[in-house]
Amino acid sequence: MTRPRQFDLIVFDWDGTLFDSTALITRSIQAACADVGTKVPSDRDASYVIGLGLMQALAHAAPELPTDRHEELCSRYRHHYLQRQHEVMLFEGTLPMLAGLKERKHQLAVATGKSRRGLDDVLKVSDLRSVFDATRTADETTSKPHPQMLLELMSELGVEPERTLMIGDTTHDLQMALNAGAASVGVSYGAHDYDAFAEFLPRSVAHSVAELDVWLAGHA
């Protein structure tokens, strides 16, 4: 017997949720800070800003750096990230999970702190451009945890908040969902400590893509 579908739209964060890039982003932030001579953030502080728009993230990671040097910091971050981005890949199990959701007729979208160019590049490399019905990036709308990114996706695809599920690895993702009136699921294998997720009322926390896939098959 076919289960009734609870969510018409499933929105994924990208880095740390579908794409195994948390360590690369953290190291690139730290290397960029060292390059410009400002205090290098800890692993915890550098990974905390993942999911925010790039300028916002780097300003948070390097609070002592003068504002007029933020562009320089961004440039050094991009340098380090691009040097090694080819080494990063989708988490194991991501492709069959997405295929199963498409087969069950869910609409799929991405809401990410990446730039439009950055997201388009990785979608092309991973051959996923045709999988997602819509995408939003931090340089074309308001950054997380503001709900605008998610609200725009719901409006574009004609889906109400109560029929929308946001999946992400950070509190920024879960807070955005809560702010937009949508449900959420957290994943613990990305950037943020999942002990901080509870206050944002996720439906579940998955500890692997395989576990997320099982939950979606049974509850989405």
N, C-alpha and C. Protein backbone atom coordinates (compact mmCIF):
# COMPACT_ATOMS: atom_id res chain seq x y z
N MET A 1 0.84 -1.19 0.00
CA MET A 1 0.00 0.00 0.00
C MET A 1 0.88 1.25 0.00
N THR A 2 0.58 2.23 -0.87
CA THR A 2 1.36 3.45 -0.97
C THR A 2 1.04 4.40 0.18
N ARG A 3 2.06 4.92 0.81
CA ARG A 3 1.86 5.88 1.91
C ARG A 3 1.42 7.22 1.34
N PRO A 4 0.53 7.93 2.02
CA PRO A 4 0.21 9.29 1.58
C PRO A 4 1.43 10.18 1.77
N ARG A 5 1.65 11.08 0.82
CA ARG A 5 2.81 11.96 0.89
C ARG A 5 2.52 13.10 1.86
N GLN A 6 3.42 13.33 2.82
CA GLN A 6 3.24 14.40 3.79
C GLN A 6 3.82 15.72 3.30
N PHE A 7 4.92 15.64 2.54
CA PHE A 7 5.59 16.85 2.06
C PHE A 7 5.69 16.82 0.54
N ASP A 8 5.21 17.89 -0.10
CA ASP A 8 5.31 17.99 -1.55
C ASP A 8 6.68 18.50 -1.97
N LEU A 9 7.28 19.35 -1.15
CA LEU A 9 8.57 19.96 -1.45
C LEU A 9 9.58 19.59 -0.38
N ILE A 10 10.72 19.08 -0.81
CA ILE A 10 11.83 18.78 0.10
C ILE A 10 13.03 19.62 -0.33
N VAL A 11 13.48 20.46 0.58
CA VAL A 11 14.57 21.41 0.31
C VAL A 11 15.81 20.95 1.06
N PHE A 12 16.91 20.84 0.35
CA PHE A 12 18.17 20.42 0.95
C PHE A 12 19.15 21.59 1.03
N ASP A 13 19.84 21.69 2.15
CA ASP A 13 21.07 22.44 2.19
C ASP A 13 22.09 21.67 1.34
N TRP A 14 23.18 22.33 0.94
CA TRP A 14 24.16 21.63 0.10
C TRP A 14 25.38 21.17 0.91
N ASP A 15 26.23 22.12 1.34
CA ASP A 15 27.48 21.75 2.02
C ASP A 15 27.21 21.12 3.37
N GLY A 16 27.76 19.92 3.58
CA GLY A 16 27.59 19.23 4.85
C GLY A 16 26.31 18.43 4.95
N THR A 17 25.43 18.56 3.95
CA THR A 17 24.18 17.81 3.94
C THR A 17 24.15 16.81 2.78
N LEU A 18 24.40 17.30 1.57
CA LEU A 18 24.53 16.44 0.41
C LEU A 18 25.99 16.29 -0.02
N PHE A 19 26.77 17.33 0.22
CA PHE A 19 28.14 17.41 -0.29
C PHE A 19 29.10 17.38 0.89
N ASP A 20 30.09 16.49 0.86
CA ASP A 20 30.99 16.26 1.99
C ASP A 20 32.12 17.29 2.00
N SER A 21 31.75 18.54 2.25
CA SER A 21 32.70 19.66 2.09
C SER A 21 33.01 20.40 3.39
N THR A 22 32.51 19.93 4.51
CA THR A 22 32.69 20.65 5.77
C THR A 22 34.17 20.88 6.10
N ALA A 23 34.97 19.83 6.00
CA ALA A 23 36.39 19.96 6.35
C ALA A 23 37.10 20.93 5.41
N LEU A 24 36.80 20.86 4.11
CA LEU A 24 37.43 21.75 3.14
C LEU A 24 37.09 23.21 3.43
N ILE A 25 35.82 23.50 3.71
CA ILE A 25 35.41 24.87 4.00
C ILE A 25 36.10 25.38 5.27
N THR A 26 36.12 24.54 6.30
CA THR A 26 36.76 24.92 7.57
C THR A 26 38.23 25.25 7.36
N ARG A 27 38.96 24.37 6.65
CA ARG A 27 40.39 24.59 6.42
C ARG A 27 40.62 25.82 5.54
N SER A 28 39.75 26.05 4.58
CA SER A 28 39.91 27.20 3.69
C SER A 28 39.69 28.51 4.44
N ILE A 29 38.73 28.55 5.35
CA ILE A 29 38.52 29.73 6.18
C ILE A 29 39.75 29.98 7.04
N GLN A 30 40.28 28.93 7.66
CA GLN A 30 41.45 29.09 8.53
C GLN A 30 42.66 29.56 7.74
N ALA A 31 42.88 29.00 6.55
CA ALA A 31 44.02 29.39 5.73
C ALA A 31 43.89 30.83 5.26
N ALA A 32 42.67 31.24 4.91
CA ALA A 32 42.44 32.61 4.47
C ALA A 32 42.73 33.60 5.60
N CYS A 33 42.30 33.26 6.80
CA CYS A 33 42.58 34.14 7.94
C CYS A 33 44.08 34.26 8.18
N ALA A 34 44.80 33.14 8.07
CA ALA A 34 46.25 33.18 8.24
C ALA A 34 46.89 34.06 7.16
N ASP A 35 46.39 33.97 5.94
CA ASP A 35 46.95 34.74 4.82
C ASP A 35 46.86 36.25 5.07
N VAL A 36 45.75 36.70 5.65
CA VAL A 36 45.56 38.14 5.83
C VAL A 36 46.04 38.63 7.19
N GLY A 37 46.57 37.71 8.00
CA GLY A 37 47.19 38.10 9.26
C GLY A 37 46.23 38.36 10.40
N THR A 38 45.04 37.78 10.34
CA THR A 38 44.10 37.91 11.45
C THR A 38 44.04 36.60 12.23
N LYS A 39 43.45 36.62 13.39
CA LYS A 39 43.38 35.44 14.25
C LYS A 39 42.71 34.28 13.51
N VAL A 40 43.35 33.12 13.56
CA VAL A 40 42.80 31.93 12.90
C VAL A 40 41.77 31.29 13.82
N PRO A 41 40.52 31.13 13.35
CA PRO A 41 39.48 30.55 14.21
C PRO A 41 39.70 29.06 14.45
N SER A 42 39.18 28.58 15.55
CA SER A 42 39.23 27.14 15.84
C SER A 42 38.38 26.38 14.84
N ASP A 43 38.54 25.06 14.81
CA ASP A 43 37.69 24.24 13.94
C ASP A 43 36.21 24.49 14.23
N ARG A 44 35.88 24.57 15.51
CA ARG A 44 34.47 24.76 15.90
C ARG A 44 33.94 26.10 15.40
N ASP A 45 34.72 27.17 15.59
CA ASP A 45 34.27 28.50 15.18
C ASP A 45 34.22 28.64 13.65
N ALA A 46 35.18 28.03 12.96
CA ALA A 46 35.19 28.10 11.50
C ALA A 46 34.04 27.31 10.90
N SER A 47 33.73 26.16 11.46
CA SER A 47 32.64 25.34 10.91
C SER A 47 31.27 25.90 11.28
N TYR A 48 31.19 26.68 12.36
CA TYR A 48 29.90 27.24 12.77
C TYR A 48 29.30 28.13 11.69
N VAL A 49 30.12 28.83 10.92
CA VAL A 49 29.61 29.81 9.96
C VAL A 49 29.20 29.17 8.63
N ILE A 50 29.46 27.88 8.48
CA ILE A 50 29.06 27.19 7.24
C ILE A 50 27.54 27.28 7.09
N GLY A 51 27.11 27.62 5.90
CA GLY A 51 25.68 27.78 5.63
C GLY A 51 25.27 29.23 5.50
N LEU A 52 26.05 30.14 6.07
CA LEU A 52 25.80 31.56 5.91
C LEU A 52 26.34 32.01 4.55
N GLY A 53 25.90 33.18 4.07
CA GLY A 53 26.51 33.76 2.89
C GLY A 53 27.99 33.99 3.13
N LEU A 54 28.81 33.95 2.08
CA LEU A 54 30.26 33.96 2.24
C LEU A 54 30.74 35.18 3.01
N MET A 55 30.32 36.38 2.62
CA MET A 55 30.80 37.58 3.28
C MET A 55 30.39 37.60 4.76
N GLN A 56 29.14 37.23 5.03
CA GLN A 56 28.65 37.17 6.40
C GLN A 56 29.43 36.13 7.21
N ALA A 57 29.69 34.98 6.58
CA ALA A 57 30.41 33.90 7.26
C ALA A 57 31.82 34.33 7.63
N LEU A 58 32.53 34.93 6.69
CA LEU A 58 33.91 35.30 6.94
C LEU A 58 34.02 36.45 7.94
N ALA A 59 33.07 37.38 7.89
CA ALA A 59 33.06 38.47 8.87
C ALA A 59 32.87 37.92 10.28
N HIS A 60 32.03 36.88 10.41
CA HIS A 60 31.79 36.25 11.71
C HIS A 60 33.02 35.47 12.16
N ALA A 61 33.69 34.80 11.20
CA ALA A 61 34.85 33.98 11.55
C ALA A 61 36.08 34.82 11.87
N ALA A 62 36.12 36.05 11.34
CA ALA A 62 37.29 36.93 11.56
C ALA A 62 36.82 38.28 12.09
N PRO A 63 36.28 38.32 13.30
CA PRO A 63 35.66 39.56 13.82
C PRO A 63 36.65 40.70 14.03
N GLU A 64 37.95 40.39 14.13
CA GLU A 64 38.94 41.44 14.38
C GLU A 64 39.44 42.10 13.10
N LEU A 65 39.08 41.54 11.95
CA LEU A 65 39.56 42.07 10.68
C LEU A 65 38.75 43.29 10.27
N PRO A 66 39.39 44.39 9.91
CA PRO A 66 38.63 45.58 9.49
C PRO A 66 37.75 45.29 8.28
N THR A 67 36.61 45.96 8.24
CA THR A 67 35.64 45.74 7.17
C THR A 67 36.23 45.94 5.79
N ASP A 68 37.13 46.91 5.65
CA ASP A 68 37.68 47.20 4.33
C ASP A 68 38.63 46.12 3.83
N ARG A 69 38.87 45.09 4.65
CA ARG A 69 39.72 43.97 4.22
C ARG A 69 38.92 42.68 4.01
N HIS A 70 37.59 42.77 4.13
CA HIS A 70 36.76 41.57 3.97
C HIS A 70 36.84 41.01 2.55
N GLU A 71 36.93 41.88 1.56
CA GLU A 71 37.03 41.39 0.17
C GLU A 71 38.34 40.61 -0.02
N GLU A 72 39.40 41.09 0.58
CA GLU A 72 40.68 40.39 0.51
C GLU A 72 40.56 39.00 1.15
N LEU A 73 39.88 38.94 2.29
CA LEU A 73 39.68 37.67 2.97
C LEU A 73 38.86 36.71 2.10
N CYS A 74 37.81 37.23 1.48
CA CYS A 74 36.98 36.41 0.58
C CYS A 74 37.82 35.86 -0.58
N SER A 75 38.67 36.70 -1.13
CA SER A 75 39.51 36.28 -2.25
C SER A 75 40.44 35.15 -1.84
N ARG A 76 41.04 35.25 -0.66
CA ARG A 76 41.93 34.20 -0.19
C ARG A 76 41.16 32.92 0.11
N TYR A 77 39.95 33.06 0.66
CA TYR A 77 39.12 31.87 0.90
C TYR A 77 38.83 31.14 -0.41
N ARG A 78 38.42 31.89 -1.42
CA ARG A 78 38.10 31.26 -2.71
C ARG A 78 39.33 30.56 -3.29
N HIS A 79 40.48 31.20 -3.14
CA HIS A 79 41.72 30.61 -3.63
C HIS A 79 41.94 29.22 -3.02
N HIS A 80 41.85 29.14 -1.71
CA HIS A 80 42.10 27.86 -1.03
C HIS A 80 41.01 26.84 -1.35
N TYR A 81 39.76 27.28 -1.38
CA TYR A 81 38.67 26.35 -1.66
C TYR A 81 38.79 25.77 -3.07
N LEU A 82 39.03 26.62 -4.06
CA LEU A 82 39.09 26.17 -5.45
C LEU A 82 40.27 25.25 -5.71
N GLN A 83 41.33 25.40 -4.94
CA GLN A 83 42.50 24.54 -5.11
C GLN A 83 42.16 23.07 -4.86
N ARG A 84 41.19 22.82 -3.97
CA ARG A 84 40.94 21.44 -3.56
C ARG A 84 39.49 20.99 -3.74
N GLN A 85 38.66 21.81 -4.36
CA GLN A 85 37.25 21.44 -4.45
C GLN A 85 37.03 20.15 -5.25
N HIS A 86 37.95 19.84 -6.17
CA HIS A 86 37.80 18.62 -6.97
C HIS A 86 37.93 17.35 -6.13
N GLU A 87 38.47 17.49 -4.91
CA GLU A 87 38.65 16.33 -4.04
C GLU A 87 37.38 15.97 -3.28
N VAL A 88 36.40 16.86 -3.30
CA VAL A 88 35.19 16.69 -2.50
C VAL A 88 34.10 16.03 -3.32
N MET A 89 33.26 15.24 -2.67
CA MET A 89 32.21 14.53 -3.41
C MET A 89 30.94 14.44 -2.58
N LEU A 90 29.89 13.98 -3.23
CA LEU A 90 28.62 13.75 -2.55
C LEU A 90 28.79 12.68 -1.48
N PHE A 91 28.05 12.82 -0.40
CA PHE A 91 28.03 11.76 0.60
C PHE A 91 27.51 10.47 -0.04
N GLU A 92 28.06 9.36 0.39
CA GLU A 92 27.63 8.06 -0.12
C GLU A 92 26.14 7.87 0.13
N GLY A 93 25.43 7.43 -0.89
CA GLY A 93 23.99 7.19 -0.77
C GLY A 93 23.13 8.35 -1.21
N THR A 94 23.74 9.51 -1.52
CA THR A 94 22.97 10.69 -1.89
C THR A 94 22.20 10.48 -3.19
N LEU A 95 22.86 9.96 -4.21
CA LEU A 95 22.20 9.81 -5.51
C LEU A 95 20.99 8.88 -5.46
N PRO A 96 21.09 7.68 -4.87
CA PRO A 96 19.89 6.84 -4.79
C PRO A 96 18.79 7.45 -3.92
N MET A 97 19.16 8.19 -2.88
CA MET A 97 18.15 8.85 -2.05
C MET A 97 17.37 9.86 -2.88
N LEU A 98 18.07 10.70 -3.64
CA LEU A 98 17.40 11.70 -4.46
C LEU A 98 16.56 11.04 -5.55
N ALA A 99 17.07 9.97 -6.14
CA ALA A 99 16.31 9.25 -7.16
C ALA A 99 15.02 8.69 -6.60
N GLY A 100 15.07 8.17 -5.38
CA GLY A 100 13.87 7.64 -4.74
C GLY A 100 12.84 8.72 -4.47
N LEU A 101 13.29 9.89 -4.06
CA LEU A 101 12.36 10.99 -3.81
C LEU A 101 11.70 11.45 -5.11
N LYS A 102 12.48 11.52 -6.19
CA LYS A 102 11.90 11.89 -7.49
C LYS A 102 10.88 10.85 -7.94
N GLU A 103 11.20 9.60 -7.72
CA GLU A 103 10.28 8.52 -8.11
C GLU A 103 8.97 8.61 -7.33
N ARG A 104 9.06 9.09 -6.09
CA ARG A 104 7.84 9.25 -5.27
C ARG A 104 7.17 10.60 -5.51
N LYS A 105 7.64 11.33 -6.53
CA LYS A 105 7.00 12.55 -7.02
C LYS A 105 7.13 13.75 -6.09
N HIS A 106 8.15 13.78 -5.26
CA HIS A 106 8.42 14.99 -4.49
C HIS A 106 9.09 16.02 -5.40
N GLN A 107 8.80 17.29 -5.16
CA GLN A 107 9.61 18.35 -5.75
C GLN A 107 10.84 18.54 -4.87
N LEU A 108 11.98 18.78 -5.50
CA LEU A 108 13.23 18.91 -4.77
C LEU A 108 13.86 20.27 -5.05
N ALA A 109 14.49 20.84 -4.03
CA ALA A 109 15.13 22.14 -4.17
C ALA A 109 16.38 22.20 -3.30
N VAL A 110 17.21 23.20 -3.58
CA VAL A 110 18.42 23.46 -2.78
C VAL A 110 18.36 24.88 -2.25
N ALA A 111 18.67 25.05 -0.97
CA ALA A 111 18.81 26.37 -0.35
C ALA A 111 20.18 26.38 0.31
N THR A 112 21.10 27.19 -0.22
CA THR A 112 22.50 27.09 0.20
C THR A 112 23.15 28.45 0.44
N GLY A 113 24.15 28.44 1.29
CA GLY A 113 24.96 29.63 1.51
C GLY A 113 26.00 29.83 0.43
N LYS A 114 26.10 28.91 -0.53
CA LYS A 114 27.04 29.06 -1.63
C LYS A 114 26.62 30.22 -2.54
N SER A 115 27.53 30.65 -3.38
CA SER A 115 27.19 31.62 -4.42
C SER A 115 26.50 30.89 -5.57
N ARG A 116 25.84 31.66 -6.46
CA ARG A 116 25.22 31.04 -7.63
C ARG A 116 26.26 30.34 -8.50
N ARG A 117 27.39 30.99 -8.72
CA ARG A 117 28.42 30.36 -9.53
C ARG A 117 28.92 29.08 -8.88
N GLY A 118 29.13 29.14 -7.55
CA GLY A 118 29.63 27.96 -6.84
C GLY A 118 28.67 26.80 -6.90
N LEU A 119 27.37 27.07 -6.71
CA LEU A 119 26.39 25.99 -6.76
C LEU A 119 26.27 25.44 -8.17
N ASP A 120 26.21 26.31 -9.16
CA ASP A 120 26.10 25.83 -10.54
C ASP A 120 27.29 24.95 -10.92
N ASP A 121 28.47 25.31 -10.45
CA ASP A 121 29.66 24.51 -10.75
C ASP A 121 29.54 23.11 -10.18
N VAL A 122 29.14 23.01 -8.91
CA VAL A 122 29.09 21.67 -8.30
C VAL A 122 27.90 20.86 -8.82
N LEU A 123 26.80 21.52 -9.18
CA LEU A 123 25.68 20.79 -9.78
C LEU A 123 26.08 20.21 -11.13
N LYS A 124 26.89 20.96 -11.86
CA LYS A 124 27.35 20.48 -13.15
C LYS A 124 28.28 19.29 -12.99
N VAL A 125 29.25 19.42 -12.07
CA VAL A 125 30.22 18.36 -11.85
C VAL A 125 29.54 17.08 -11.35
N SER A 126 28.54 17.24 -10.47
CA SER A 126 27.85 16.07 -9.91
C SER A 126 26.68 15.61 -10.76
N ASP A 127 26.45 16.28 -11.88
CA ASP A 127 25.39 15.91 -12.83
C ASP A 127 24.01 15.88 -12.16
N LEU A 128 23.74 16.92 -11.35
CA LEU A 128 22.48 16.97 -10.61
C LEU A 128 21.58 18.14 -11.01
N ARG A 129 21.96 18.88 -12.03
CA ARG A 129 21.18 20.07 -12.38
C ARG A 129 19.73 19.73 -12.69
N SER A 130 19.49 18.59 -13.34
CA SER A 130 18.12 18.24 -13.73
C SER A 130 17.31 17.63 -12.59
N VAL A 131 17.96 17.33 -11.47
CA VAL A 131 17.28 16.69 -10.35
C VAL A 131 16.44 17.69 -9.56
N PHE A 132 16.94 18.92 -9.45
CA PHE A 132 16.29 19.91 -8.58
C PHE A 132 15.36 20.82 -9.38
N ASP A 133 14.19 21.04 -8.82
CA ASP A 133 13.18 21.86 -9.49
C ASP A 133 13.44 23.35 -9.32
N ALA A 134 14.19 23.72 -8.28
CA ALA A 134 14.53 25.12 -8.04
C ALA A 134 15.70 25.17 -7.07
N THR A 135 16.46 26.26 -7.12
CA THR A 135 17.58 26.46 -6.19
C THR A 135 17.67 27.93 -5.81
N ARG A 136 18.21 28.18 -4.62
CA ARG A 136 18.49 29.53 -4.17
C ARG A 136 19.85 29.57 -3.51
N THR A 137 20.58 30.65 -3.77
CA THR A 137 21.91 30.84 -3.19
C THR A 137 21.94 32.15 -2.39
N ALA A 138 22.95 32.26 -1.54
CA ALA A 138 23.00 33.39 -0.61
C ALA A 138 23.28 34.72 -1.29
N ASP A 139 23.85 34.69 -2.52
CA ASP A 139 24.15 35.96 -3.18
C ASP A 139 22.99 36.48 -4.02
N GLU A 140 21.86 35.78 -4.03
CA GLU A 140 20.71 36.26 -4.80
C GLU A 140 19.47 36.47 -3.94
N THR A 141 19.60 36.24 -2.64
CA THR A 141 18.49 36.51 -1.71
C THR A 141 19.10 36.68 -0.32
N THR A 142 18.27 36.79 0.70
CA THR A 142 18.77 36.99 2.06
C THR A 142 19.34 35.70 2.61
N SER A 143 20.47 35.79 3.30
CA SER A 143 21.15 34.62 3.83
C SER A 143 20.37 33.98 4.99
N LYS A 144 20.59 32.71 5.20
CA LYS A 144 20.06 32.01 6.38
C LYS A 144 20.58 32.70 7.64
N PRO A 145 19.83 32.65 8.75
CA PRO A 145 18.57 31.92 8.97
C PRO A 145 17.31 32.71 8.63
N HIS A 146 17.44 33.85 7.97
CA HIS A 146 16.26 34.57 7.50
C HIS A 146 15.45 33.64 6.61
N PRO A 147 14.12 33.67 6.66
CA PRO A 147 13.31 32.72 5.91
C PRO A 147 13.18 33.01 4.42
N GLN A 148 13.72 34.15 3.94
CA GLN A 148 13.43 34.57 2.57
C GLN A 148 13.79 33.51 1.52
N MET A 149 14.93 32.88 1.68
CA MET A 149 15.37 31.87 0.72
C MET A 149 14.33 30.76 0.58
N LEU A 150 13.84 30.28 1.70
CA LEU A 150 12.86 29.20 1.70
C LEU A 150 11.50 29.69 1.22
N LEU A 151 11.12 30.89 1.61
CA LEU A 151 9.85 31.45 1.17
C LEU A 151 9.83 31.62 -0.35
N GLU A 152 10.94 32.04 -0.94
CA GLU A 152 11.01 32.19 -2.39
C GLU A 152 10.87 30.85 -3.10
N LEU A 153 11.49 29.83 -2.57
CA LEU A 153 11.38 28.50 -3.17
C LEU A 153 9.94 27.99 -3.10
N MET A 154 9.30 28.17 -1.96
CA MET A 154 7.91 27.72 -1.81
C MET A 154 7.00 28.48 -2.77
N SER A 155 7.24 29.78 -2.92
CA SER A 155 6.42 30.59 -3.82
C SER A 155 6.62 30.15 -5.27
N GLU A 156 7.89 29.96 -5.65
CA GLU A 156 8.18 29.57 -7.03
C GLU A 156 7.54 28.24 -7.41
N LEU A 157 7.53 27.30 -6.47
CA LEU A 157 7.03 25.96 -6.76
C LEU A 157 5.58 25.75 -6.32
N GLY A 158 4.98 26.78 -5.75
CA GLY A 158 3.56 26.71 -5.40
C GLY A 158 3.24 25.74 -4.28
N VAL A 159 4.10 25.72 -3.26
CA VAL A 159 3.93 24.79 -2.15
C VAL A 159 3.79 25.57 -0.84
N GLU A 160 2.83 25.17 -0.02
CA GLU A 160 2.61 25.84 1.26
C GLU A 160 3.65 25.39 2.31
N PRO A 161 3.89 26.23 3.34
CA PRO A 161 4.88 25.87 4.36
C PRO A 161 4.61 24.52 5.03
N GLU A 162 3.34 24.21 5.27
CA GLU A 162 3.02 22.96 5.96
C GLU A 162 3.27 21.72 5.09
N ARG A 163 3.53 21.95 3.81
CA ARG A 163 3.83 20.84 2.89
C ARG A 163 5.30 20.86 2.47
N THR A 164 6.13 21.60 3.24
CA THR A 164 7.54 21.78 2.90
C THR A 164 8.42 21.25 4.02
N LEU A 165 9.48 20.54 3.64
CA LEU A 165 10.46 20.00 4.59
C LEU A 165 11.85 20.51 4.23
N MET A 166 12.54 21.09 5.20
CA MET A 166 13.92 21.57 5.03
C MET A 166 14.86 20.60 5.71
N ILE A 167 15.93 20.21 5.02
CA ILE A 167 16.91 19.28 5.58
C ILE A 167 18.28 19.95 5.57
N GLY A 168 18.94 19.98 6.74
CA GLY A 168 20.23 20.64 6.80
C GLY A 168 21.07 20.19 7.98
N ASP A 169 22.35 20.58 7.94
CA ASP A 169 23.31 20.14 8.96
C ASP A 169 23.64 21.22 9.97
N THR A 170 23.01 22.40 9.85
CA THR A 170 23.33 23.49 10.77
C THR A 170 22.09 24.06 11.43
N THR A 171 22.32 24.75 12.54
CA THR A 171 21.21 25.44 13.19
C THR A 171 20.66 26.54 12.29
N HIS A 172 21.49 27.09 11.39
CA HIS A 172 21.01 28.11 10.45
C HIS A 172 19.89 27.54 9.57
N ASP A 173 20.06 26.30 9.11
CA ASP A 173 19.05 25.64 8.27
C ASP A 173 17.76 25.42 9.04
N LEU A 174 17.90 24.90 10.25
CA LEU A 174 16.71 24.55 11.04
C LEU A 174 15.98 25.80 11.51
N GLN A 175 16.73 26.84 11.85
CA GLN A 175 16.09 28.10 12.26
C GLN A 175 15.38 28.74 11.08
N MET A 176 15.96 28.67 9.88
CA MET A 176 15.31 29.19 8.69
C MET A 176 13.98 28.50 8.46
N ALA A 177 13.95 27.17 8.60
CA ALA A 177 12.71 26.43 8.43
C ALA A 177 11.66 26.87 9.44
N LEU A 178 12.08 26.98 10.69
CA LEU A 178 11.16 27.41 11.74
C LEU A 178 10.63 28.81 11.46
N ASN A 179 11.50 29.70 11.02
CA ASN A 179 11.09 31.07 10.69
C ASN A 179 10.10 31.12 9.52
N ALA A 180 10.22 30.13 8.62
CA ALA A 180 9.34 30.10 7.44
C ALA A 180 8.07 29.31 7.67
N GLY A 181 7.94 28.68 8.83
CA GLY A 181 6.75 27.88 9.11
C GLY A 181 6.79 26.50 8.50
N ALA A 182 7.98 26.05 8.12
CA ALA A 182 8.15 24.73 7.50
C ALA A 182 8.72 23.74 8.52
N ALA A 183 8.56 22.45 8.22
CA ALA A 183 9.15 21.40 9.04
C ALA A 183 10.63 21.24 8.67
N SER A 184 11.37 20.56 9.55
CA SER A 184 12.79 20.35 9.26
C SER A 184 13.25 18.99 9.77
N VAL A 185 14.35 18.55 9.20
CA VAL A 185 15.10 17.39 9.68
C VAL A 185 16.56 17.80 9.72
N GLY A 186 17.24 17.50 10.81
CA GLY A 186 18.66 17.79 10.91
C GLY A 186 19.50 16.57 10.58
N VAL A 187 20.72 16.81 10.11
CA VAL A 187 21.67 15.72 9.93
C VAL A 187 22.90 16.02 10.78
N SER A 188 23.42 14.99 11.43
CA SER A 188 24.47 15.19 12.43
C SER A 188 25.87 15.04 11.86
N TYR A 189 25.99 14.70 10.57
CA TYR A 189 27.30 14.39 10.00
C TYR A 189 27.94 15.58 9.30
N GLY A 190 27.40 16.79 9.51
CA GLY A 190 27.93 17.98 8.86
C GLY A 190 28.66 18.91 9.81
N ALA A 191 28.32 20.20 9.75
CA ALA A 191 29.13 21.23 10.40
C ALA A 191 28.82 21.47 11.88
N HIS A 192 27.56 21.34 12.28
CA HIS A 192 27.18 21.74 13.64
C HIS A 192 26.93 20.55 14.55
N ASP A 193 27.19 20.76 15.83
CA ASP A 193 26.90 19.76 16.86
C ASP A 193 25.39 19.60 16.97
N TYR A 194 24.91 18.38 16.77
CA TYR A 194 23.45 18.19 16.73
C TYR A 194 22.79 18.36 18.09
N ASP A 195 23.58 18.48 19.16
CA ASP A 195 22.99 18.77 20.47
C ASP A 195 22.29 20.13 20.47
N ALA A 196 22.68 21.00 19.54
CA ALA A 196 22.08 22.34 19.47
C ALA A 196 20.81 22.38 18.63
N PHE A 197 20.42 21.26 18.04
CA PHE A 197 19.29 21.25 17.12
C PHE A 197 17.93 21.32 17.82
N ALA A 198 17.84 20.80 19.04
CA ALA A 198 16.54 20.56 19.67
C ALA A 198 15.66 21.80 19.75
N GLU A 199 16.24 22.96 20.02
CA GLU A 199 15.42 24.16 20.20
C GLU A 199 14.71 24.59 18.91
N PHE A 200 15.16 24.06 17.76
CA PHE A 200 14.54 24.42 16.48
C PHE A 200 13.52 23.38 16.01
N LEU A 201 13.23 22.41 16.88
CA LEU A 201 12.13 21.46 16.72
C LEU A 201 12.17 20.64 15.43
N PRO A 202 13.31 20.05 15.09
CA PRO A 202 13.33 19.18 13.91
C PRO A 202 12.47 17.94 14.14
N ARG A 203 11.91 17.42 13.07
CA ARG A 203 11.12 16.19 13.17
C ARG A 203 12.00 14.99 13.54
N SER A 204 13.26 15.06 13.11
CA SER A 204 14.19 13.96 13.38
C SER A 204 15.61 14.48 13.16
N VAL A 205 16.59 13.72 13.64
CA VAL A 205 17.99 13.97 13.34
C VAL A 205 18.58 12.67 12.79
N ALA A 206 19.09 12.73 11.56
CA ALA A 206 19.67 11.54 10.92
C ALA A 206 21.18 11.57 11.08
N HIS A 207 21.76 10.41 11.34
CA HIS A 207 23.19 10.32 11.59
C HIS A 207 23.97 9.80 10.38
N SER A 208 23.28 9.58 9.28
CA SER A 208 23.93 9.18 8.02
C SER A 208 22.93 9.42 6.90
N VAL A 209 23.41 9.44 5.67
CA VAL A 209 22.50 9.56 4.53
C VAL A 209 21.58 8.35 4.47
N ALA A 210 22.10 7.18 4.78
CA ALA A 210 21.26 5.97 4.78
C ALA A 210 20.11 6.11 5.77
N GLU A 211 20.40 6.65 6.95
CA GLU A 211 19.35 6.84 7.96
C GLU A 211 18.35 7.90 7.50
N LEU A 212 18.84 8.96 6.86
CA LEU A 212 17.96 9.99 6.33
C LEU A 212 17.04 9.41 5.26
N ASP A 213 17.59 8.58 4.38
CA ASP A 213 16.82 7.95 3.32
C ASP A 213 15.69 7.12 3.89
N VAL A 214 15.98 6.35 4.92
CA VAL A 214 14.95 5.50 5.55
C VAL A 214 13.86 6.39 6.16
N TRP A 215 14.26 7.47 6.83
CA TRP A 215 13.26 8.34 7.46
C TRP A 215 12.37 8.97 6.40
N LEU A 216 12.96 9.45 5.32
CA LEU A 216 12.18 10.08 4.26
C LEU A 216 11.21 9.10 3.63
N ALA A 217 11.64 7.87 3.42
CA ALA A 217 10.76 6.86 2.83
C ALA A 217 9.57 6.56 3.73
N GLY A 218 9.78 6.66 5.02
CA GLY A 218 8.71 6.33 5.95
C GLY A 218 7.86 7.49 6.41
N HIS A 219 8.39 8.73 6.30
CA HIS A 219 7.69 9.86 6.92
C HIS A 219 7.44 11.05 6.00
N ALA A 220 8.12 11.12 4.85
CA ALA A 220 7.98 12.29 3.99
C ALA A 220 6.83 12.16 3.01
